[in-house]
Amino acid sequence: MNEKQELHPLTPAQSEFAARHHDLVFRYLHANNLPEEEFYSEVILGYLAAVQQYDELPPPRKGDFPPLAFALMDAAASSYRKERDRLRTNEMSLQEVSLREMAFAA
């Protein structure tokens, strides 16, 4: 699935395939030491994108599903980390400005 494509509702066959292979999500989280409560909702989007891509690619190009799923979950986790870190940096910058303002006001 290229970056311009978005997830769309799963077909019944895709839903069944996703349910059958859902354990890959937990294997990915465990293999990468990612806390489920923080990362599940992020990597599941990569997993579902992999389900759609795998189903929608022509059969000769399909290959194995787990490597595709892990690659797209990796991309989703990486995007989440970057955004989380960016927000934390912005939050810390705002806190520093507030502390400086308090110091000047005193």
N, C-alpha and C. Protein backbone atom coordinates (compact mmCIF):
# COMPACT_ATOMS: atom_id res chain seq x y z
N MET A 1 0.85 -1.17 0.00
CA MET A 1 0.00 0.00 0.00
C MET A 1 0.89 1.22 0.00
N ASN A 2 0.78 2.07 -0.98
CA ASN A 2 1.64 3.24 -0.96
C ASN A 2 1.10 4.26 0.00
N GLU A 3 1.92 5.29 0.32
CA GLU A 3 1.58 6.23 1.37
C GLU A 3 0.33 7.04 1.05
N LYS A 4 -0.04 7.17 -0.23
CA LYS A 4 -1.20 7.96 -0.59
C LYS A 4 -2.50 7.18 -0.41
N GLN A 5 -2.41 5.86 -0.36
CA GLN A 5 -3.60 5.05 -0.14
C GLN A 5 -3.93 5.05 1.35
N GLU A 6 -5.21 5.04 1.64
CA GLU A 6 -5.65 4.98 3.02
C GLU A 6 -6.40 3.68 3.25
N LEU A 7 -6.51 3.33 4.50
CA LEU A 7 -7.30 2.15 4.83
C LEU A 7 -8.74 2.38 4.41
N HIS A 8 -9.35 1.33 3.97
CA HIS A 8 -10.77 1.36 3.64
C HIS A 8 -11.42 0.20 4.37
N PRO A 9 -12.74 0.17 4.44
CA PRO A 9 -13.37 -0.96 5.16
C PRO A 9 -12.89 -2.29 4.61
N LEU A 10 -12.63 -3.20 5.51
CA LEU A 10 -12.18 -4.53 5.11
C LEU A 10 -13.32 -5.29 4.45
N THR A 11 -12.98 -6.06 3.46
CA THR A 11 -13.96 -6.97 2.87
C THR A 11 -14.19 -8.11 3.87
N PRO A 12 -15.24 -8.89 3.71
CA PRO A 12 -15.43 -10.04 4.60
C PRO A 12 -14.23 -10.99 4.58
N ALA A 13 -13.67 -11.22 3.42
CA ALA A 13 -12.50 -12.11 3.33
C ALA A 13 -11.30 -11.50 4.06
N GLN A 14 -11.10 -10.20 3.93
CA GLN A 14 -10.00 -9.52 4.62
C GLN A 14 -10.20 -9.56 6.14
N SER A 15 -11.43 -9.37 6.57
CA SER A 15 -11.74 -9.43 8.01
C SER A 15 -11.42 -10.81 8.58
N GLU A 16 -11.79 -11.84 7.84
CA GLU A 16 -11.54 -13.21 8.29
C GLU A 16 -10.03 -13.47 8.32
N PHE A 17 -9.31 -13.01 7.29
CA PHE A 17 -7.86 -13.18 7.22
C PHE A 17 -7.20 -12.43 8.38
N ALA A 18 -7.64 -11.20 8.64
CA ALA A 18 -7.08 -10.40 9.73
C ALA A 18 -7.29 -11.09 11.07
N ALA A 19 -8.47 -11.64 11.29
CA ALA A 19 -8.76 -12.33 12.55
C ALA A 19 -7.90 -13.58 12.69
N ARG A 20 -7.73 -14.30 11.61
CA ARG A 20 -6.97 -15.55 11.63
C ARG A 20 -5.49 -15.31 11.96
N HIS A 21 -4.96 -14.17 11.55
CA HIS A 21 -3.53 -13.89 11.74
C HIS A 21 -3.25 -12.82 12.79
N HIS A 22 -4.26 -12.48 13.58
CA HIS A 22 -4.14 -11.40 14.56
C HIS A 22 -3.01 -11.61 15.56
N ASP A 23 -2.64 -12.84 15.81
CA ASP A 23 -1.55 -13.12 16.75
C ASP A 23 -0.24 -12.46 16.32
N LEU A 24 -0.11 -12.15 15.02
CA LEU A 24 1.11 -11.47 14.55
C LEU A 24 1.29 -10.11 15.21
N VAL A 25 0.20 -9.46 15.53
CA VAL A 25 0.29 -8.14 16.19
C VAL A 25 0.98 -8.30 17.54
N PHE A 26 0.56 -9.29 18.31
CA PHE A 26 1.15 -9.51 19.62
C PHE A 26 2.57 -10.04 19.52
N ARG A 27 2.84 -10.86 18.51
CA ARG A 27 4.22 -11.32 18.29
C ARG A 27 5.12 -10.13 17.96
N TYR A 28 4.62 -9.20 17.15
CA TYR A 28 5.41 -8.01 16.80
C TYR A 28 5.68 -7.17 18.06
N LEU A 29 4.63 -6.90 18.83
CA LEU A 29 4.80 -6.09 20.05
C LEU A 29 5.81 -6.74 20.99
N HIS A 30 5.68 -8.05 21.19
CA HIS A 30 6.58 -8.77 22.09
C HIS A 30 8.02 -8.77 21.55
N ALA A 31 8.18 -9.03 20.26
CA ALA A 31 9.52 -9.10 19.65
C ALA A 31 10.25 -7.76 19.74
N ASN A 32 9.49 -6.68 19.78
CA ASN A 32 10.09 -5.35 19.81
C ASN A 32 9.98 -4.68 21.18
N ASN A 33 9.59 -5.46 22.19
CA ASN A 33 9.47 -4.96 23.56
C ASN A 33 8.64 -3.68 23.64
N LEU A 34 7.52 -3.67 22.94
CA LEU A 34 6.64 -2.49 22.94
C LEU A 34 5.46 -2.76 23.85
N PRO A 35 5.17 -1.82 24.76
CA PRO A 35 4.02 -2.04 25.65
C PRO A 35 2.71 -2.02 24.87
N GLU A 36 1.92 -3.06 25.07
CA GLU A 36 0.65 -3.20 24.35
C GLU A 36 -0.26 -2.00 24.57
N GLU A 37 -0.34 -1.52 25.82
CA GLU A 37 -1.25 -0.42 26.13
C GLU A 37 -0.90 0.88 25.40
N GLU A 38 0.35 1.04 25.02
CA GLU A 38 0.74 2.25 24.29
C GLU A 38 0.78 2.04 22.78
N PHE A 39 1.21 0.89 22.32
CA PHE A 39 1.48 0.72 20.89
C PHE A 39 0.43 -0.07 20.10
N TYR A 40 -0.42 -0.83 20.78
CA TYR A 40 -1.37 -1.66 20.04
C TYR A 40 -2.20 -0.84 19.05
N SER A 41 -2.79 0.25 19.52
CA SER A 41 -3.68 1.03 18.65
C SER A 41 -2.94 1.66 17.49
N GLU A 42 -1.63 1.76 17.59
CA GLU A 42 -0.84 2.31 16.49
C GLU A 42 -0.45 1.22 15.49
N VAL A 43 0.09 0.11 16.00
CA VAL A 43 0.56 -0.93 15.08
C VAL A 43 -0.58 -1.69 14.41
N ILE A 44 -1.75 -1.70 15.03
CA ILE A 44 -2.87 -2.40 14.39
C ILE A 44 -3.21 -1.75 13.06
N LEU A 45 -2.99 -0.45 12.93
CA LEU A 45 -3.25 0.23 11.66
C LEU A 45 -2.29 -0.26 10.57
N GLY A 46 -1.04 -0.46 10.94
CA GLY A 46 -0.08 -1.04 10.00
C GLY A 46 -0.45 -2.46 9.64
N TYR A 47 -0.92 -3.21 10.64
CA TYR A 47 -1.34 -4.59 10.40
C TYR A 47 -2.51 -4.64 9.42
N LEU A 48 -3.51 -3.80 9.64
CA LEU A 48 -4.68 -3.79 8.75
C LEU A 48 -4.30 -3.33 7.34
N ALA A 49 -3.37 -2.39 7.26
CA ALA A 49 -2.88 -1.97 5.94
C ALA A 49 -2.20 -3.14 5.24
N ALA A 50 -1.46 -3.95 6.01
CA ALA A 50 -0.79 -5.12 5.44
C ALA A 50 -1.82 -6.15 4.95
N VAL A 51 -2.88 -6.34 5.72
CA VAL A 51 -3.94 -7.26 5.31
C VAL A 51 -4.52 -6.82 3.97
N GLN A 52 -4.84 -5.54 3.87
CA GLN A 52 -5.41 -5.04 2.62
C GLN A 52 -4.42 -5.14 1.47
N GLN A 53 -3.19 -4.73 1.72
CA GLN A 53 -2.19 -4.77 0.65
C GLN A 53 -1.96 -6.21 0.18
N TYR A 54 -1.83 -7.12 1.12
CA TYR A 54 -1.58 -8.52 0.78
C TYR A 54 -2.73 -9.09 -0.06
N ASP A 55 -3.95 -8.76 0.33
CA ASP A 55 -5.12 -9.27 -0.38
C ASP A 55 -5.27 -8.63 -1.76
N GLU A 56 -4.89 -7.38 -1.86
CA GLU A 56 -5.16 -6.64 -3.10
C GLU A 56 -4.03 -6.69 -4.12
N LEU A 57 -2.86 -7.21 -3.72
CA LEU A 57 -1.77 -7.37 -4.68
C LEU A 57 -2.07 -8.56 -5.59
N PRO A 58 -1.62 -8.48 -6.83
CA PRO A 58 -1.81 -9.64 -7.71
C PRO A 58 -1.09 -10.87 -7.13
N PRO A 59 -1.65 -12.06 -7.29
CA PRO A 59 -1.09 -13.26 -6.67
C PRO A 59 0.41 -13.50 -6.90
N PRO A 60 0.98 -13.27 -8.09
CA PRO A 60 2.41 -13.57 -8.21
C PRO A 60 3.30 -12.67 -7.35
N ARG A 61 2.79 -11.51 -6.89
CA ARG A 61 3.60 -10.58 -6.11
C ARG A 61 3.37 -10.70 -4.62
N LYS A 62 2.50 -11.57 -4.18
CA LYS A 62 2.10 -11.60 -2.77
C LYS A 62 3.23 -11.96 -1.81
N GLY A 63 3.88 -13.06 -2.01
CA GLY A 63 4.93 -13.47 -1.07
C GLY A 63 4.34 -13.84 0.28
N ASP A 64 5.18 -13.81 1.30
CA ASP A 64 4.74 -14.16 2.65
C ASP A 64 4.08 -12.98 3.33
N PHE A 65 3.02 -13.26 4.08
CA PHE A 65 2.31 -12.20 4.79
C PHE A 65 3.06 -11.68 6.02
N PRO A 66 3.62 -12.54 6.88
CA PRO A 66 4.26 -12.01 8.10
C PRO A 66 5.33 -10.94 7.85
N PRO A 67 6.25 -11.10 6.89
CA PRO A 67 7.23 -10.03 6.68
C PRO A 67 6.58 -8.70 6.27
N LEU A 68 5.55 -8.77 5.45
CA LEU A 68 4.84 -7.55 5.05
C LEU A 68 4.17 -6.91 6.27
N ALA A 69 3.50 -7.73 7.08
CA ALA A 69 2.83 -7.22 8.28
C ALA A 69 3.84 -6.58 9.23
N PHE A 70 4.96 -7.24 9.46
CA PHE A 70 5.97 -6.69 10.37
C PHE A 70 6.54 -5.39 9.82
N ALA A 71 6.75 -5.31 8.52
CA ALA A 71 7.29 -4.07 7.93
C ALA A 71 6.32 -2.91 8.09
N LEU A 72 5.03 -3.15 7.85
CA LEU A 72 4.06 -2.06 7.97
C LEU A 72 3.77 -1.73 9.43
N MET A 73 3.84 -2.71 10.32
CA MET A 73 3.70 -2.40 11.75
C MET A 73 4.91 -1.61 12.24
N ASP A 74 6.08 -1.95 11.72
CA ASP A 74 7.30 -1.21 12.03
C ASP A 74 7.16 0.25 11.61
N ALA A 75 6.66 0.47 10.42
CA ALA A 75 6.48 1.84 9.92
C ALA A 75 5.48 2.59 10.79
N ALA A 76 4.41 1.93 11.20
CA ALA A 76 3.40 2.58 12.05
C ALA A 76 3.99 2.92 13.42
N ALA A 77 4.75 2.00 14.00
CA ALA A 77 5.37 2.25 15.31
C ALA A 77 6.38 3.38 15.21
N SER A 78 7.15 3.40 14.14
CA SER A 78 8.14 4.46 13.94
C SER A 78 7.47 5.83 13.79
N SER A 79 6.42 5.89 13.02
CA SER A 79 5.68 7.16 12.86
C SER A 79 5.13 7.63 14.19
N TYR A 80 4.59 6.69 14.96
CA TYR A 80 4.04 7.04 16.27
C TYR A 80 5.14 7.59 17.18
N ARG A 81 6.31 6.91 17.22
CA ARG A 81 7.41 7.37 18.07
C ARG A 81 7.85 8.79 17.68
N LYS A 82 7.97 9.03 16.38
CA LYS A 82 8.40 10.35 15.92
C LYS A 82 7.41 11.43 16.35
N GLU A 83 6.13 11.16 16.17
CA GLU A 83 5.11 12.14 16.56
C GLU A 83 5.08 12.32 18.08
N ARG A 84 5.19 11.23 18.83
CA ARG A 84 5.21 11.30 20.29
C ARG A 84 6.41 12.12 20.76
N ASP A 85 7.58 11.87 20.17
CA ASP A 85 8.78 12.60 20.56
C ASP A 85 8.69 14.08 20.18
N ARG A 86 8.08 14.35 19.02
CA ARG A 86 7.91 15.74 18.60
C ARG A 86 7.00 16.48 19.58
N LEU A 87 5.93 15.85 19.99
CA LEU A 87 5.00 16.47 20.95
C LEU A 87 5.67 16.69 22.30
N ARG A 88 6.46 15.71 22.74
CA ARG A 88 7.17 15.86 24.02
C ARG A 88 8.17 17.00 23.95
N THR A 89 8.87 17.13 22.83
CA THR A 89 9.84 18.21 22.66
C THR A 89 9.13 19.56 22.70
N ASN A 90 8.01 19.67 22.00
CA ASN A 90 7.24 20.91 22.01
C ASN A 90 6.73 21.22 23.41
N GLU A 91 6.28 20.21 24.13
CA GLU A 91 5.78 20.40 25.48
C GLU A 91 6.90 20.89 26.40
N MET A 92 8.09 20.29 26.27
CA MET A 92 9.22 20.70 27.10
C MET A 92 9.63 22.13 26.76
N SER A 93 9.59 22.50 25.48
CA SER A 93 9.94 23.85 25.08
C SER A 93 8.97 24.86 25.69
N LEU A 94 7.69 24.53 25.69
CA LEU A 94 6.70 25.41 26.29
C LEU A 94 6.90 25.53 27.80
N GLN A 95 7.28 24.43 28.44
CA GLN A 95 7.54 24.48 29.88
C GLN A 95 8.74 25.36 30.18
N GLU A 96 9.77 25.29 29.35
CA GLU A 96 10.95 26.13 29.55
C GLU A 96 10.60 27.60 29.42
N VAL A 97 9.78 27.95 28.44
CA VAL A 97 9.36 29.34 28.26
C VAL A 97 8.58 29.80 29.48
N SER A 98 7.68 28.96 29.98
CA SER A 98 6.89 29.31 31.16
C SER A 98 7.77 29.51 32.38
N LEU A 99 8.77 28.66 32.56
CA LEU A 99 9.68 28.80 33.69
C LEU A 99 10.49 30.08 33.59
N ARG A 100 10.94 30.44 32.38
CA ARG A 100 11.68 31.68 32.19
C ARG A 100 10.80 32.89 32.50
N GLU A 101 9.55 32.82 32.05
CA GLU A 101 8.62 33.92 32.31
C GLU A 101 8.38 34.07 33.79
N MET A 102 8.26 32.95 34.51
CA MET A 102 8.07 33.02 35.96
C MET A 102 9.30 33.60 36.63
N ALA A 103 10.48 33.27 36.15
CA ALA A 103 11.71 33.78 36.74
C ALA A 103 11.82 35.28 36.53
N PHE A 104 11.44 35.78 35.36
CA PHE A 104 11.49 37.20 35.08
C PHE A 104 10.44 37.97 35.89
N ALA A 105 9.33 37.34 36.16
CA ALA A 105 8.24 38.02 36.88
C ALA A 105 8.57 38.14 38.37
N ALA A 106 9.45 37.29 38.87
CA ALA A 106 9.76 37.29 40.30
C ALA A 106 10.67 38.41 40.70
